[in-house]
Amino acid sequence: MSETCRTPRPICKIGEIDPGTVKRVDVHGLPPLAVYNVAGRFYVTDDACSHGKASLSEGYVEGAEIECPWHGGRFDIASGRATCLPAAEPVATYAVTVVGDEVCIGA
């Protein structure tokens, strides 16, 4: 499931997230978000694991996957698809654009 809107909504600066890392971002009106930098490309998912509601931003980025810190479930960062049990349900993803030095979600 993807979030769409008419204009890009800035959520953080690109310099706040080093390659291979993830950061939690709180945005008014949305659930907590996890923002990822995968080899210079930015992705955004809901921060809560679909299995145990752990914070994915406290997990481990391994290549293009995030591993939940509680039970080891994994998700594809780009699609939100669960890739390793016990996670079976996907996490929501958001369309991302970079505008200047800001990571934005939306159109």
Foldseek 3Di string as FASTA:
>chain_A
DEDADDDWDFFFFQVVADAQAWDWTDDPPDAIKIWHHHPNDIWIWHQAQPPPGAGQNPFGRDHQWTAGPPPGWIARRHCQQTDGPPRHDGTYIFDWDQDDRTITTHD
